[in-house]
Amino acid sequence: MKMFDKIISVMSIRPDFRVWAKKDKKIYTRFGWLNFKDECFSAYNHEVRHYVKVDFKDAIFMRSTGLHDRKGKKIFEGDIVRRFFKGDNPVLMFIWFDPEEQRFEALQDANPHRREIWGLKRISEKHIEVVGNIYQHPKLVEEMRRNYE
C-alpha cells in the first residue's frame, strides 16, 4: 500500500454524531457542507426535504457511544435510557461523556452532586433501551429528578 492510499483511507473515517439545533428544536443526523469561516454547517431537514444552515453557536454535538440498545438503536451522549435489572423496576439513566475519565457514563440521577455512576461499557446492551434524550424529552429529566430526590 502506498503512502497516499493510507492517507485516503484514514481521511475516509467518519465520526458518528448527531446535533441538537437549539433554534430549530430538532435533532439532525445527516450533514452536508462545513464552513469554519462563517461558523456554520448544513444539516438535512427530513420535513422539508432539503439542507438547512445551522450556526455552530446554535448546535450541541452529541457523540455516539459506539453501543446499541436492546432494540438495535444507537446510543448517543444526551440520551436517556431505561436500564432493566433482574427482579427490580426499570431505572432511568442519563448518558454523558466524562472528560476527566475519558469515558461514557450512565448517571442514575440528573443531579451531578448526588448520583450513581456506571461506566457504560459495564452495562450489557441487552439490558438497556433508549427512551428519549434530554433535549426533546425534558419531562424524562424531571421524572429522573423526582425519582431520586
C-alpha atoms as a PDB file:
ATOM      1  CA  MET A   1       0.000   0.000   0.000  1.00  0.00           C
ATOM      2  CA  LYS A   2       1.377   3.390  -0.962  1.00  0.00           C
ATOM      3  CA  MET A   3       1.553   6.284   1.491  1.00  0.00           C
ATOM      4  CA  PHE A   4      -1.142   8.174  -0.451  1.00  0.00           C
ATOM      5  CA  ASP A   5      -3.527   5.207  -0.121  1.00  0.00           C
ATOM      6  CA  LYS A   6      -3.019   5.165   3.658  1.00  0.00           C
ATOM      7  CA  ILE A   7      -3.826   8.872   3.886  1.00  0.00           C
ATOM      8  CA  ILE A   8      -7.011   8.439   1.849  1.00  0.00           C
ATOM      9  CA  SER A   9      -8.190   5.510   3.986  1.00  0.00           C
ATOM     10  CA  VAL A  10      -7.629   7.495   7.211  1.00  0.00           C
ATOM     11  CA  MET A  11      -9.456  10.500   5.753  1.00  0.00           C
ATOM     12  CA  SER A  12     -12.476   8.352   4.931  1.00  0.00           C
ATOM     13  CA  ILE A  13     -13.140   7.592   8.602  1.00  0.00           C
ATOM     14  CA  ARG A  14     -16.350   9.380   9.577  1.00  0.00           C
ATOM     15  CA  PRO A  15     -17.117  10.261  13.182  1.00  0.00           C
ATOM     16  CA  ASP A  16     -20.564   9.204  14.331  1.00  0.00           C
ATOM     17  CA  PHE A  17     -22.544  12.024  15.920  1.00  0.00           C
ATOM     18  CA  ARG A  18     -25.809  13.892  15.813  1.00  0.00           C
ATOM     19  CA  VAL A  19     -26.665  17.533  16.507  1.00  0.00           C
ATOM     20  CA  TRP A  20     -29.378  19.211  18.572  1.00  0.00           C
ATOM     21  CA  ALA A  21     -30.166  22.566  16.926  1.00  0.00           C
ATOM     22  CA  LYS A  22     -31.424  24.781  19.746  1.00  0.00           C
ATOM     23  CA  LYS A  23     -33.086  27.316  17.452  1.00  0.00           C
ATOM     24  CA  ASP A  24     -34.947  24.710  15.344  1.00  0.00           C
ATOM     25  CA  LYS A  25     -35.515  22.357  18.294  1.00  0.00           C
ATOM     26  CA  LYS A  26     -34.549  19.434  16.062  1.00  0.00           C
ATOM     27  CA  ILE A  27     -32.008  16.649  16.026  1.00  0.00           C
ATOM     28  CA  TYR A  28     -30.031  16.302  12.803  1.00  0.00           C
ATOM     29  CA  THR A  29     -28.135  13.189  11.765  1.00  0.00           C
ATOM     30  CA  ARG A  30     -27.251  13.926   8.129  1.00  0.00           C
ATOM     31  CA  PHE A  31     -24.859  16.724   7.155  1.00  0.00           C
ATOM     32  CA  GLY A  32     -23.601  18.467   4.020  1.00  0.00           C
ATOM     33  CA  TRP A  33     -21.041  21.265   3.929  1.00  0.00           C
ATOM     34  CA  LEU A  34     -18.995  22.718   6.788  1.00  0.00           C
ATOM     35  CA  ASN A  35     -17.872  26.380   6.849  1.00  0.00           C
ATOM     36  CA  PHE A  36     -15.328  27.266   9.556  1.00  0.00           C
ATOM     37  CA  LYS A  37     -15.011  30.885   8.408  1.00  0.00           C
ATOM     38  CA  ASP A  38     -18.715  31.653   8.919  1.00  0.00           C
ATOM     39  CA  GLU A  39     -19.027  29.115  11.765  1.00  0.00           C
ATOM     40  CA  CYS A  40     -21.907  27.135  10.307  1.00  0.00           C
ATOM     41  CA  PHE A  41     -22.788  23.861   8.584  1.00  0.00           C
ATOM     42  CA  SER A  42     -25.675  22.342   6.666  1.00  0.00           C
ATOM     43  CA  ALA A  43     -27.942  19.655   8.054  1.00  0.00           C
ATOM     44  CA  TYR A  44     -30.633  17.704   6.251  1.00  0.00           C
ATOM     45  CA  ASN A  45     -34.174  18.502   7.387  1.00  0.00           C
ATOM     46  CA  HIS A  46     -36.385  15.500   6.612  1.00  0.00           C
ATOM     47  CA  GLU A  47     -39.593  17.509   6.977  1.00  0.00           C
ATOM     48  CA  VAL A  48     -38.797  19.961   4.173  1.00  0.00           C
ATOM     49  CA  ARG A  49     -36.525  17.508   2.300  1.00  0.00           C
ATOM     50  CA  HIS A  50     -33.530  19.770   1.866  1.00  0.00           C
ATOM     51  CA  TYR A  51     -30.461  21.010   3.736  1.00  0.00           C
ATOM     52  CA  VAL A  52     -30.736  23.926   6.167  1.00  0.00           C
ATOM     53  CA  LYS A  53     -28.000  26.167   7.579  1.00  0.00           C
ATOM     54  CA  VAL A  54     -27.140  25.701  11.277  1.00  0.00           C
ATOM     55  CA  ASP A  55     -24.799  28.049  13.178  1.00  0.00           C
ATOM     56  CA  PHE A  56     -22.161  26.499  15.451  1.00  0.00           C
ATOM     57  CA  LYS A  57     -23.426  28.619  18.367  1.00  0.00           C
ATOM     58  CA  ASP A  58     -26.880  27.066  17.913  1.00  0.00           C
ATOM     59  CA  ALA A  59     -25.627  23.463  17.824  1.00  0.00           C
ATOM     60  CA  ILE A  60     -24.979  20.899  20.530  1.00  0.00           C
ATOM     61  CA  PHE A  61     -22.951  17.975  19.183  1.00  0.00           C
ATOM     62  CA  MET A  62     -23.680  14.542  20.673  1.00  0.00           C
ATOM     63  CA  ARG A  63     -21.137  11.778  20.111  1.00  0.00           C
ATOM     64  CA  SER A  64     -22.097   8.179  19.580  1.00  0.00           C
ATOM     65  CA  THR A  65     -21.083   5.801  22.358  1.00  0.00           C
ATOM     66  CA  GLY A  66     -20.492   3.059  19.798  1.00  0.00           C
ATOM     67  CA  LEU A  67     -23.114   0.941  21.571  1.00  0.00           C
ATOM     68  CA  HIS A  68     -26.676  -0.025  20.694  1.00  0.00           C
ATOM     69  CA  ASP A  69     -29.650  -0.692  22.942  1.00  0.00           C
ATOM     70  CA  ARG A  70     -31.546  -3.968  23.096  1.00  0.00           C
ATOM     71  CA  LYS A  71     -33.613  -2.970  20.049  1.00  0.00           C
ATOM     72  CA  GLY A  72     -30.538  -2.079  17.974  1.00  0.00           C
ATOM     73  CA  LYS A  73     -30.879   1.720  18.318  1.00  0.00           C
ATOM     74  CA  LYS A  74     -27.611   3.696  18.565  1.00  0.00           C
ATOM     75  CA  ILE A  75     -26.852   5.248  21.952  1.00  0.00           C
ATOM     76  CA  PHE A  76     -25.571   8.852  21.987  1.00  0.00           C
ATOM     77  CA  GLU A  77     -24.480  11.183  24.761  1.00  0.00           C
ATOM     78  CA  GLY A  78     -27.542  13.098  25.901  1.00  0.00           C
ATOM     79  CA  ASP A  79     -29.756  10.024  25.599  1.00  0.00           C
ATOM     80  CA  ILE A  80     -31.955   8.807  28.414  1.00  0.00           C
ATOM     81  CA  VAL A  81     -32.037   5.039  28.687  1.00  0.00           C
ATOM     82  CA  ARG A  82     -34.098   2.649  30.759  1.00  0.00           C
ATOM     83  CA  ARG A  83     -31.973   0.002  32.460  1.00  0.00           C
ATOM     84  CA  PHE A  84     -33.627  -3.291  33.313  1.00  0.00           C
ATOM     85  CA  PHE A  85     -32.366  -5.013  36.468  1.00  0.00           C
ATOM     86  CA  LYS A  86     -33.204  -8.621  37.286  1.00  0.00           C
ATOM     87  CA  GLY A  87     -36.274  -8.592  39.514  1.00  0.00           C
ATOM     88  CA  ASP A  88     -36.217  -4.802  40.043  1.00  0.00           C
ATOM     89  CA  ASN A  89     -38.160  -1.992  38.461  1.00  0.00           C
ATOM     90  CA  PRO A  90     -36.502  -0.379  35.417  1.00  0.00           C
ATOM     91  CA  VAL A  91     -34.368   2.687  36.187  1.00  0.00           C
ATOM     92  CA  LEU A  92     -33.876   5.775  34.007  1.00  0.00           C
ATOM     93  CA  MET A  93     -30.252   6.740  33.332  1.00  0.00           C
ATOM     94  CA  PHE A  94     -28.685   9.706  31.540  1.00  0.00           C
ATOM     95  CA  ILE A  95     -25.759   9.107  29.139  1.00  0.00           C
ATOM     96  CA  TRP A  96     -22.888  11.608  29.213  1.00  0.00           C
ATOM     97  CA  PHE A  97     -19.172  11.787  28.430  1.00  0.00           C
ATOM     98  CA  ASP A  98     -16.879  12.417  31.403  1.00  0.00           C
ATOM     99  CA  PRO A  99     -13.885  14.405  30.091  1.00  0.00           C
ATOM    100  CA  GLU A 100     -11.760  13.619  33.170  1.00  0.00           C
ATOM    101  CA  GLU A 101     -12.305   9.869  32.976  1.00  0.00           C
ATOM    102  CA  GLN A 102     -12.372   9.940  29.139  1.00  0.00           C
ATOM    103  CA  ARG A 103     -15.331   7.565  29.022  1.00  0.00           C
ATOM    104  CA  PHE A 104     -19.075   7.477  28.543  1.00  0.00           C
ATOM    105  CA  GLU A 105     -21.040   7.034  31.741  1.00  0.00           C
ATOM    106  CA  ALA A 106     -24.641   6.376  32.712  1.00  0.00           C
ATOM    107  CA  LEU A 107     -25.899   8.527  35.573  1.00  0.00           C
ATOM    108  CA  GLN A 108     -28.748   7.228  37.662  1.00  0.00           C
ATOM    109  CA  ASP A 109     -29.678  10.757  38.760  1.00  0.00           C
ATOM    110  CA  ALA A 110     -29.888  14.069  36.915  1.00  0.00           C
ATOM    111  CA  ASN A 111     -28.296  15.834  39.908  1.00  0.00           C
ATOM    112  CA  PRO A 112     -24.487  15.961  39.339  1.00  0.00           C
ATOM    113  CA  HIS A 113     -23.791  16.223  43.102  1.00  0.00           C
ATOM    114  CA  ARG A 114     -25.703  13.086  44.067  1.00  0.00           C
ATOM    115  CA  ARG A 115     -25.593  10.298  41.574  1.00  0.00           C
ATOM    116  CA  GLU A 116     -24.736   6.703  40.958  1.00  0.00           C
ATOM    117  CA  ILE A 117     -22.338   6.417  38.036  1.00  0.00           C
ATOM    118  CA  TRP A 118     -21.945   3.375  35.834  1.00  0.00           C
ATOM    119  CA  GLY A 119     -19.216   3.047  33.237  1.00  0.00           C
ATOM    120  CA  LEU A 120     -21.301   2.483  30.118  1.00  0.00           C
ATOM    121  CA  LYS A 121     -19.137  -0.441  28.981  1.00  0.00           C
ATOM    122  CA  ARG A 122     -20.125  -2.273  32.200  1.00  0.00           C
ATOM    123  CA  ILE A 123     -23.802  -2.300  31.238  1.00  0.00           C
ATOM    124  CA  SER A 124     -24.968  -5.042  28.916  1.00  0.00           C
ATOM    125  CA  GLU A 125     -26.618  -3.688  25.765  1.00  0.00           C
ATOM    126  CA  LYS A 126     -29.410  -6.236  26.186  1.00  0.00           C
ATOM    127  CA  HIS A 127     -30.390  -4.584  29.493  1.00  0.00           C
ATOM    128  CA  ILE A 128     -30.877  -1.010  28.263  1.00  0.00           C
ATOM    129  CA  GLU A 129     -33.314   0.740  25.956  1.00  0.00           C
ATOM    130  CA  VAL A 130     -33.191   4.313  24.636  1.00  0.00           C
ATOM    131  CA  VAL A 131     -36.407   6.095  25.682  1.00  0.00           C
ATOM    132  CA  GLY A 132     -35.522   9.661  24.688  1.00  0.00           C
ATOM    133  CA  ASN A 133     -32.961  12.420  25.085  1.00  0.00           C
ATOM    134  CA  ILE A 134     -32.544  15.441  27.318  1.00  0.00           C
ATOM    135  CA  TYR A 135     -33.396  17.945  24.580  1.00  0.00           C
ATOM    136  CA  GLN A 136     -36.554  16.524  23.063  1.00  0.00           C
ATOM    137  CA  HIS A 137     -37.900  14.907  26.237  1.00  0.00           C
ATOM    138  CA  PRO A 138     -37.392  17.269  29.215  1.00  0.00           C
ATOM    139  CA  LYS A 139     -40.213  15.503  31.098  1.00  0.00           C
ATOM    140  CA  LEU A 140     -37.982  12.408  31.358  1.00  0.00           C
ATOM    141  CA  VAL A 141     -35.286  14.534  33.036  1.00  0.00           C
ATOM    142  CA  GLU A 142     -37.875  15.815  35.520  1.00  0.00           C
ATOM    143  CA  GLU A 143     -39.023  12.240  36.153  1.00  0.00           C
ATOM    144  CA  MET A 144     -35.410  11.260  36.892  1.00  0.00           C
ATOM    145  CA  ARG A 145     -35.091  14.130  39.367  1.00  0.00           C
ATOM    146  CA  ARG A 146     -38.363  13.202  41.118  1.00  0.00           C
ATOM    147  CA  ASN A 147     -37.399   9.532  41.392  1.00  0.00           C
ATOM    148  CA  TYR A 148     -34.124  10.247  43.176  1.00  0.00           C
ATOM    149  CA  GLU A 149     -34.954  13.149  45.479  1.00  0.00           C
END
